[in-house]
Amino acid sequence: MPGLSMPSIRLRFALTVTLVATFAFPVAGAQFGVHPDGSKAEALAARGTRAVALFFVASDCPISDRTFPEMKRLRESFAPRGVKVLFVYPNTTEDLAKVTAHQNAFDPGGEILLDPHGDLVRLTRARVTPEVSVLVPDGAGWRPVYTGRVDDRFIHLGLERPHATQLFGEEAVNAVLSGTAVPKATGVPVGCGIVNPAVDGARGNR
């Protein structure tokens, strides 16, 4: 390019890539997964909702299943406090009958979203099931402020504590509701990798 040195070209390219990455998932009018009836979820929650908690789960992940009691507890605790809780099934290997039966077995009061096109995975950059993402209102849409472990019960695959000692998902929501700084996600989430060709290789590092 005339008049530009190689370092300048590299800088301009880097800035362009950053801007594209920042706006690749538009907030307003974005699709947020699919309801069990097949309709697109054009909104995550009603106006006035203070926060949204997305629990990424799978019908064939034992770690997800073992974390369900804690996720159910959080749903029941948060709902009266203006928090919308949704259970997201992001794997393209799922089918509606299997997902519905699974949710009914672990938390029949939970609301389901399927994410076949990876909309919510891209928005939150979730990597495994189970994982929680806490989002806050941002203009006409939602902005994730925490995506990571639900708690610290699982140390790594094959090793777990009898009980969790830190409740990361609960701490993140409480911080949002109290207007304090949301703790940064720490540690690597332990679970089953999300299987969705629409987002494979696009989640990157957090």
C-alpha atoms as a PDB file:
ATOM      1  CA  MET A   1       0.000   0.000   0.000  1.00  0.00           C
ATOM      2  CA  PRO A   2       1.608   3.348  -1.082  1.00  0.00           C
ATOM      3  CA  GLY A   3       2.753   5.607   1.729  1.00  0.00           C
ATOM      4  CA  LEU A   4       2.413   2.988   4.493  1.00  0.00           C
ATOM      5  CA  SER A   5       5.289   1.140   6.120  1.00  0.00           C
ATOM      6  CA  MET A   6       4.990  -2.557   6.900  1.00  0.00           C
ATOM      7  CA  PRO A   7       4.505  -1.902  10.680  1.00  0.00           C
ATOM      8  CA  SER A   8       1.673   0.526   9.831  1.00  0.00           C
ATOM      9  CA  ILE A   9       0.020  -2.047   7.593  1.00  0.00           C
ATOM     10  CA  ARG A  10       0.256  -4.650  10.351  1.00  0.00           C
ATOM     11  CA  LEU A  11      -1.237  -2.212  12.884  1.00  0.00           C
ATOM     12  CA  ARG A  12      -4.111  -1.294  10.555  1.00  0.00           C
ATOM     13  CA  PHE A  13      -4.820  -4.982   9.912  1.00  0.00           C
ATOM     14  CA  ALA A  14      -4.771  -5.744  13.647  1.00  0.00           C
ATOM     15  CA  LEU A  15      -7.205  -2.911  14.352  1.00  0.00           C
ATOM     16  CA  THR A  16      -9.524  -4.129  11.586  1.00  0.00           C
ATOM     17  CA  VAL A  17      -9.504  -7.688  12.956  1.00  0.00           C
ATOM     18  CA  THR A  18     -10.242  -6.364  16.457  1.00  0.00           C
ATOM     19  CA  LEU A  19     -13.187  -4.307  15.236  1.00  0.00           C
ATOM     20  CA  VAL A  20     -14.618  -7.220  13.257  1.00  0.00           C
ATOM     21  CA  ALA A  21     -14.305  -9.501  16.280  1.00  0.00           C
ATOM     22  CA  THR A  22     -15.970  -6.907  18.506  1.00  0.00           C
ATOM     23  CA  PHE A  23     -19.009  -6.431  16.275  1.00  0.00           C
ATOM     24  CA  ALA A  24     -19.281  -9.912  14.765  1.00  0.00           C
ATOM     25  CA  PHE A  25     -22.254 -10.691  17.040  1.00  0.00           C
ATOM     26  CA  PRO A  26     -24.668  -7.733  16.930  1.00  0.00           C
ATOM     27  CA  VAL A  27     -26.525  -7.070  20.171  1.00  0.00           C
ATOM     28  CA  ALA A  28     -29.739  -5.574  18.845  1.00  0.00           C
ATOM     29  CA  GLY A  29     -31.945  -8.006  16.967  1.00  0.00           C
ATOM     30  CA  ALA A  30     -29.666 -10.963  17.554  1.00  0.00           C
ATOM     31  CA  GLN A  31     -31.043 -14.476  17.694  1.00  0.00           C
ATOM     32  CA  PHE A  32     -30.570 -16.167  21.041  1.00  0.00           C
ATOM     33  CA  GLY A  33     -31.042 -19.834  20.293  1.00  0.00           C
ATOM     34  CA  VAL A  34     -34.243 -21.754  19.664  1.00  0.00           C
ATOM     35  CA  HIS A  35     -37.211 -22.540  21.880  1.00  0.00           C
ATOM     36  CA  PRO A  36     -38.315 -26.185  22.215  1.00  0.00           C
ATOM     37  CA  ASP A  37     -41.230 -25.440  19.869  1.00  0.00           C
ATOM     38  CA  GLY A  38     -38.724 -24.525  17.135  1.00  0.00           C
ATOM     39  CA  SER A  39     -39.299 -20.763  17.236  1.00  0.00           C
ATOM     40  CA  LYS A  40     -36.310 -18.424  17.350  1.00  0.00           C
ATOM     41  CA  ALA A  41     -35.556 -16.743  20.658  1.00  0.00           C
ATOM     42  CA  GLU A  42     -35.324 -13.104  19.644  1.00  0.00           C
ATOM     43  CA  ALA A  43     -34.897 -11.988  23.264  1.00  0.00           C
ATOM     44  CA  LEU A  44     -33.471 -13.636  26.358  1.00  0.00           C
ATOM     45  CA  ALA A  45     -35.683 -11.932  28.920  1.00  0.00           C
ATOM     46  CA  ALA A  46     -38.320  -9.271  29.385  1.00  0.00           C
ATOM     47  CA  ARG A  47     -37.467  -5.621  29.887  1.00  0.00           C
ATOM     48  CA  GLY A  48     -36.680  -4.934  33.529  1.00  0.00           C
ATOM     49  CA  THR A  49     -34.906  -8.241  34.091  1.00  0.00           C
ATOM     50  CA  ARG A  50     -31.830  -7.479  36.199  1.00  0.00           C
ATOM     51  CA  ALA A  51     -29.652 -10.304  34.911  1.00  0.00           C
ATOM     52  CA  VAL A  52     -29.735 -13.513  32.883  1.00  0.00           C
ATOM     53  CA  ALA A  53     -27.966 -16.692  33.930  1.00  0.00           C
ATOM     54  CA  LEU A  54     -27.345 -19.233  31.181  1.00  0.00           C
ATOM     55  CA  PHE A  55     -26.445 -22.736  32.284  1.00  0.00           C
ATOM     56  CA  PHE A  56     -24.824 -24.680  29.440  1.00  0.00           C
ATOM     57  CA  VAL A  57     -25.727 -28.343  29.899  1.00  0.00           C
ATOM     58  CA  ALA A  58     -25.845 -31.615  27.965  1.00  0.00           C
ATOM     59  CA  SER A  59     -28.019 -34.697  28.216  1.00  0.00           C
ATOM     60  CA  ASP A  60     -25.014 -37.032  27.940  1.00  0.00           C
ATOM     61  CA  CYS A  61     -22.460 -35.343  30.211  1.00  0.00           C
ATOM     62  CA  PRO A  62     -22.046 -36.906  33.679  1.00  0.00           C
ATOM     63  CA  ILE A  63     -20.378 -33.794  35.101  1.00  0.00           C
ATOM     64  CA  SER A  64     -23.271 -31.673  33.894  1.00  0.00           C
ATOM     65  CA  ASP A  65     -25.687 -34.093  35.547  1.00  0.00           C
ATOM     66  CA  ARG A  66     -23.802 -34.004  38.846  1.00  0.00           C
ATOM     67  CA  THR A  67     -23.854 -30.213  38.827  1.00  0.00           C
ATOM     68  CA  PHE A  68     -27.597 -30.003  38.154  1.00  0.00           C
ATOM     69  CA  PRO A  69     -28.652 -29.903  41.838  1.00  0.00           C
ATOM     70  CA  GLU A  70     -26.582 -26.740  42.302  1.00  0.00           C
ATOM     71  CA  MET A  71     -27.935 -25.201  39.097  1.00  0.00           C
ATOM     72  CA  LYS A  72     -31.494 -26.014  40.179  1.00  0.00           C
ATOM     73  CA  ARG A  73     -30.847 -24.446  43.566  1.00  0.00           C
ATOM     74  CA  LEU A  74     -29.555 -21.281  41.924  1.00  0.00           C
ATOM     75  CA  ARG A  75     -32.553 -21.093  39.582  1.00  0.00           C
ATOM     76  CA  GLU A  76     -34.965 -21.319  42.495  1.00  0.00           C
ATOM     77  CA  SER A  77     -32.947 -18.777  44.491  1.00  0.00           C
ATOM     78  CA  PHE A  78     -32.480 -16.234  41.703  1.00  0.00           C
ATOM     79  CA  ALA A  79     -35.921 -16.239  40.079  1.00  0.00           C
ATOM     80  CA  PRO A  80     -37.621 -14.148  42.808  1.00  0.00           C
ATOM     81  CA  ARG A  81     -34.779 -11.592  42.580  1.00  0.00           C
ATOM     82  CA  GLY A  82     -35.347 -10.525  38.992  1.00  0.00           C
ATOM     83  CA  VAL A  83     -32.913 -12.964  37.375  1.00  0.00           C
ATOM     84  CA  LYS A  84     -33.888 -15.001  34.312  1.00  0.00           C
ATOM     85  CA  VAL A  85     -32.375 -18.487  34.343  1.00  0.00           C
ATOM     86  CA  LEU A  86     -32.197 -20.587  31.171  1.00  0.00           C
ATOM     87  CA  PHE A  87     -30.755 -24.024  30.537  1.00  0.00           C
ATOM     88  CA  VAL A  88     -28.944 -24.002  27.197  1.00  0.00           C
ATOM     89  CA  TYR A  89     -28.337 -27.240  25.292  1.00  0.00           C
ATOM     90  CA  PRO A  90     -25.634 -26.244  22.773  1.00  0.00           C
ATOM     91  CA  ASN A  91     -24.662 -29.604  21.265  1.00  0.00           C
ATOM     92  CA  THR A  92     -25.910 -30.386  17.766  1.00  0.00           C
ATOM     93  CA  THR A  93     -26.009 -34.059  18.795  1.00  0.00           C
ATOM     94  CA  GLU A  94     -29.073 -33.351  20.951  1.00  0.00           C
ATOM     95  CA  ASP A  95     -32.674 -33.864  19.894  1.00  0.00           C
ATOM     96  CA  LEU A  96     -35.786 -32.353  21.403  1.00  0.00           C
ATOM     97  CA  ALA A  97     -37.178 -35.560  22.941  1.00  0.00           C
ATOM     98  CA  LYS A  98     -33.866 -36.344  24.640  1.00  0.00           C
ATOM     99  CA  VAL A  99     -33.412 -32.791  25.899  1.00  0.00           C
ATOM    100  CA  THR A 100     -36.956 -32.560  27.259  1.00  0.00           C
ATOM    101  CA  ALA A 101     -36.674 -35.895  29.069  1.00  0.00           C
ATOM    102  CA  HIS A 102     -33.313 -34.911  30.499  1.00  0.00           C
ATOM    103  CA  GLN A 103     -34.509 -31.538  31.770  1.00  0.00           C
ATOM    104  CA  ASN A 104     -37.613 -33.082  33.312  1.00  0.00           C
ATOM    105  CA  ALA A 105     -35.459 -35.632  35.108  1.00  0.00           C
ATOM    106  CA  PHE A 106     -33.163 -33.040  36.704  1.00  0.00           C
ATOM    107  CA  ASP A 107     -35.156 -29.807  36.945  1.00  0.00           C
ATOM    108  CA  PRO A 108     -38.633 -29.839  35.407  1.00  0.00           C
ATOM    109  CA  GLY A 109     -39.120 -26.212  36.415  1.00  0.00           C
ATOM    110  CA  GLY A 110     -36.204 -25.077  34.267  1.00  0.00           C
ATOM    111  CA  GLU A 111     -36.687 -23.293  30.948  1.00  0.00           C
ATOM    112  CA  ILE A 112     -34.866 -24.743  27.921  1.00  0.00           C
ATOM    113  CA  LEU A 113     -33.120 -23.143  24.977  1.00  0.00           C
ATOM    114  CA  LEU A 114     -31.398 -25.084  22.216  1.00  0.00           C
ATOM    115  CA  ASP A 115     -28.414 -23.481  20.479  1.00  0.00           C
ATOM    116  CA  PRO A 116     -28.004 -25.351  17.169  1.00  0.00           C
ATOM    117  CA  HIS A 117     -26.412 -22.390  15.366  1.00  0.00           C
ATOM    118  CA  GLY A 118     -24.072 -21.510  18.222  1.00  0.00           C
ATOM    119  CA  ASP A 119     -25.588 -18.072  18.860  1.00  0.00           C
ATOM    120  CA  LEU A 120     -25.230 -18.251  22.631  1.00  0.00           C
ATOM    121  CA  VAL A 121     -21.883 -20.027  22.535  1.00  0.00           C
ATOM    122  CA  ARG A 122     -20.464 -17.240  20.393  1.00  0.00           C
ATOM    123  CA  LEU A 123     -21.984 -14.552  22.602  1.00  0.00           C
ATOM    124  CA  THR A 124     -20.655 -16.011  25.855  1.00  0.00           C
ATOM    125  CA  ARG A 125     -17.642 -17.987  24.568  1.00  0.00           C
ATOM    126  CA  ALA A 126     -18.700 -20.977  26.665  1.00  0.00           C
ATOM    127  CA  ARG A 127     -16.517 -24.023  26.115  1.00  0.00           C
ATOM    128  CA  VAL A 128     -17.903 -26.942  28.093  1.00  0.00           C
ATOM    129  CA  THR A 129     -20.945 -28.332  29.830  1.00  0.00           C
ATOM    130  CA  PRO A 130     -21.571 -27.491  32.584  1.00  0.00           C
ATOM    131  CA  GLU A 131     -20.679 -23.814  32.459  1.00  0.00           C
ATOM    132  CA  VAL A 132     -22.545 -20.672  33.502  1.00  0.00           C
ATOM    133  CA  SER A 133     -22.660 -17.273  31.839  1.00  0.00           C
ATOM    134  CA  VAL A 134     -24.103 -14.268  33.646  1.00  0.00           C
ATOM    135  CA  LEU A 135     -25.334 -11.442  31.404  1.00  0.00           C
ATOM    136  CA  VAL A 136     -26.506  -7.912  32.157  1.00  0.00           C
ATOM    137  CA  PRO A 137     -28.676  -5.518  30.117  1.00  0.00           C
ATOM    138  CA  ASP A 138     -26.704  -3.608  27.495  1.00  0.00           C
ATOM    139  CA  GLY A 139     -28.822  -1.302  25.393  1.00  0.00           C
ATOM    140  CA  ALA A 140     -31.285  -3.476  23.494  1.00  0.00           C
ATOM    141  CA  GLY A 141     -29.351  -6.675  24.226  1.00  0.00           C
ATOM    142  CA  TRP A 142     -27.217  -8.473  26.768  1.00  0.00           C
ATOM    143  CA  ARG A 143     -23.544  -8.429  27.705  1.00  0.00           C
ATOM    144  CA  PRO A 144     -21.786 -11.312  29.473  1.00  0.00           C
ATOM    145  CA  VAL A 145     -19.907 -10.263  32.613  1.00  0.00           C
ATOM    146  CA  TYR A 146     -18.976 -13.759  33.777  1.00  0.00           C
ATOM    147  CA  THR A 147     -18.571 -17.028  31.909  1.00  0.00           C
ATOM    148  CA  GLY A 148     -16.930 -19.938  33.671  1.00  0.00           C
ATOM    149  CA  ARG A 149     -17.291 -22.594  36.333  1.00  0.00           C
ATOM    150  CA  VAL A 150     -20.530 -22.974  38.271  1.00  0.00           C
ATOM    151  CA  ASP A 151     -18.516 -23.931  41.354  1.00  0.00           C
ATOM    152  CA  ASP A 152     -15.228 -25.607  42.295  1.00  0.00           C
ATOM    153  CA  ARG A 153     -16.530 -29.087  43.038  1.00  0.00           C
ATOM    154  CA  PHE A 154     -14.664 -30.618  40.085  1.00  0.00           C
ATOM    155  CA  ILE A 155     -10.895 -30.172  40.274  1.00  0.00           C
ATOM    156  CA  HIS A 156     -10.215 -31.944  36.985  1.00  0.00           C
ATOM    157  CA  LEU A 157     -11.674 -34.876  35.098  1.00  0.00           C
ATOM    158  CA  GLY A 158     -11.899 -37.818  37.457  1.00  0.00           C
ATOM    159  CA  LEU A 159     -11.292 -35.803  40.634  1.00  0.00           C
ATOM    160  CA  GLU A 160     -13.932 -33.943  42.600  1.00  0.00           C
ATOM    161  CA  ARG A 161     -14.511 -32.597  46.079  1.00  0.00           C
ATOM    162  CA  PRO A 162     -17.333 -34.032  48.228  1.00  0.00           C
ATOM    163  CA  HIS A 163     -18.843 -30.539  48.200  1.00  0.00           C
ATOM    164  CA  ALA A 164     -18.037 -27.275  46.497  1.00  0.00           C
ATOM    165  CA  THR A 165     -16.123 -24.701  48.530  1.00  0.00           C
ATOM    166  CA  GLN A 166     -16.638 -21.781  46.123  1.00  0.00           C
ATOM    167  CA  LEU A 167     -19.884 -20.981  44.339  1.00  0.00           C
ATOM    168  CA  PHE A 168     -18.710 -18.909  41.387  1.00  0.00           C
ATOM    169  CA  GLY A 169     -22.045 -18.629  39.597  1.00  0.00           C
ATOM    170  CA  GLU A 170     -23.834 -17.482  42.731  1.00  0.00           C
ATOM    171  CA  GLU A 171     -21.064 -14.986  43.528  1.00  0.00           C
ATOM    172  CA  ALA A 172     -21.261 -13.492  40.035  1.00  0.00           C
ATOM    173  CA  VAL A 173     -25.037 -12.995  40.150  1.00  0.00           C
ATOM    174  CA  ASN A 174     -24.906 -11.577  43.673  1.00  0.00           C
ATOM    175  CA  ALA A 175     -22.283  -9.077  42.532  1.00  0.00           C
ATOM    176  CA  VAL A 176     -24.511  -7.924  39.659  1.00  0.00           C
ATOM    177  CA  LEU A 177     -27.514  -7.552  41.951  1.00  0.00           C
ATOM    178  CA  SER A 178     -25.529  -5.638  44.559  1.00  0.00           C
ATOM    179  CA  GLY A 179     -23.834  -3.387  42.007  1.00  0.00           C
ATOM    180  CA  THR A 180     -20.326  -4.508  42.951  1.00  0.00           C
ATOM    181  CA  ALA A 181     -17.509  -5.735  40.721  1.00  0.00           C
ATOM    182  CA  VAL A 182     -18.150  -9.181  39.253  1.00  0.00           C
ATOM    183  CA  PRO A 183     -15.343 -11.606  40.150  1.00  0.00           C
ATOM    184  CA  LYS A 184     -13.233 -12.658  37.200  1.00  0.00           C
ATOM    185  CA  ALA A 185     -13.598 -16.275  36.101  1.00  0.00           C
ATOM    186  CA  THR A 186     -10.708 -18.360  37.416  1.00  0.00           C
ATOM    187  CA  GLY A 187      -9.542 -21.857  36.616  1.00  0.00           C
ATOM    188  CA  VAL A 188     -10.380 -24.008  33.631  1.00  0.00           C
ATOM    189  CA  PRO A 189     -14.007 -25.234  33.474  1.00  0.00           C
ATOM    190  CA  VAL A 190     -14.195 -28.996  33.940  1.00  0.00           C
ATOM    191  CA  GLY A 191     -16.737 -30.830  31.828  1.00  0.00           C
ATOM    192  CA  CYS A 192     -17.618 -32.146  28.393  1.00  0.00           C
ATOM    193  CA  GLY A 193     -16.551 -30.108  25.373  1.00  0.00           C
ATOM    194  CA  ILE A 194     -19.354 -28.439  23.462  1.00  0.00           C
ATOM    195  CA  VAL A 195     -20.025 -30.218  20.167  1.00  0.00           C
ATOM    196  CA  ASN A 196     -21.250 -27.681  17.635  1.00  0.00           C
ATOM    197  CA  PRO A 197     -19.635 -27.348  14.178  1.00  0.00           C
ATOM    198  CA  ALA A 198     -21.020 -23.810  13.892  1.00  0.00           C
ATOM    199  CA  VAL A 199     -18.637 -22.593  16.579  1.00  0.00           C
ATOM    200  CA  ASP A 200     -15.799 -25.166  16.604  1.00  0.00           C
ATOM    201  CA  GLY A 201     -12.502 -23.336  16.564  1.00  0.00           C
ATOM    202  CA  ALA A 202     -14.168 -19.952  16.994  1.00  0.00           C
ATOM    203  CA  ARG A 203     -14.439 -19.779  20.791  1.00  0.00           C
ATOM    204  CA  GLY A 204     -10.792 -18.974  21.455  1.00  0.00           C
ATOM    205  CA  ASN A 205      -9.348 -18.082  24.839  1.00  0.00           C
ATOM    206  CA  ARG A 206     -11.037 -15.947  27.449  1.00  0.00           C
END
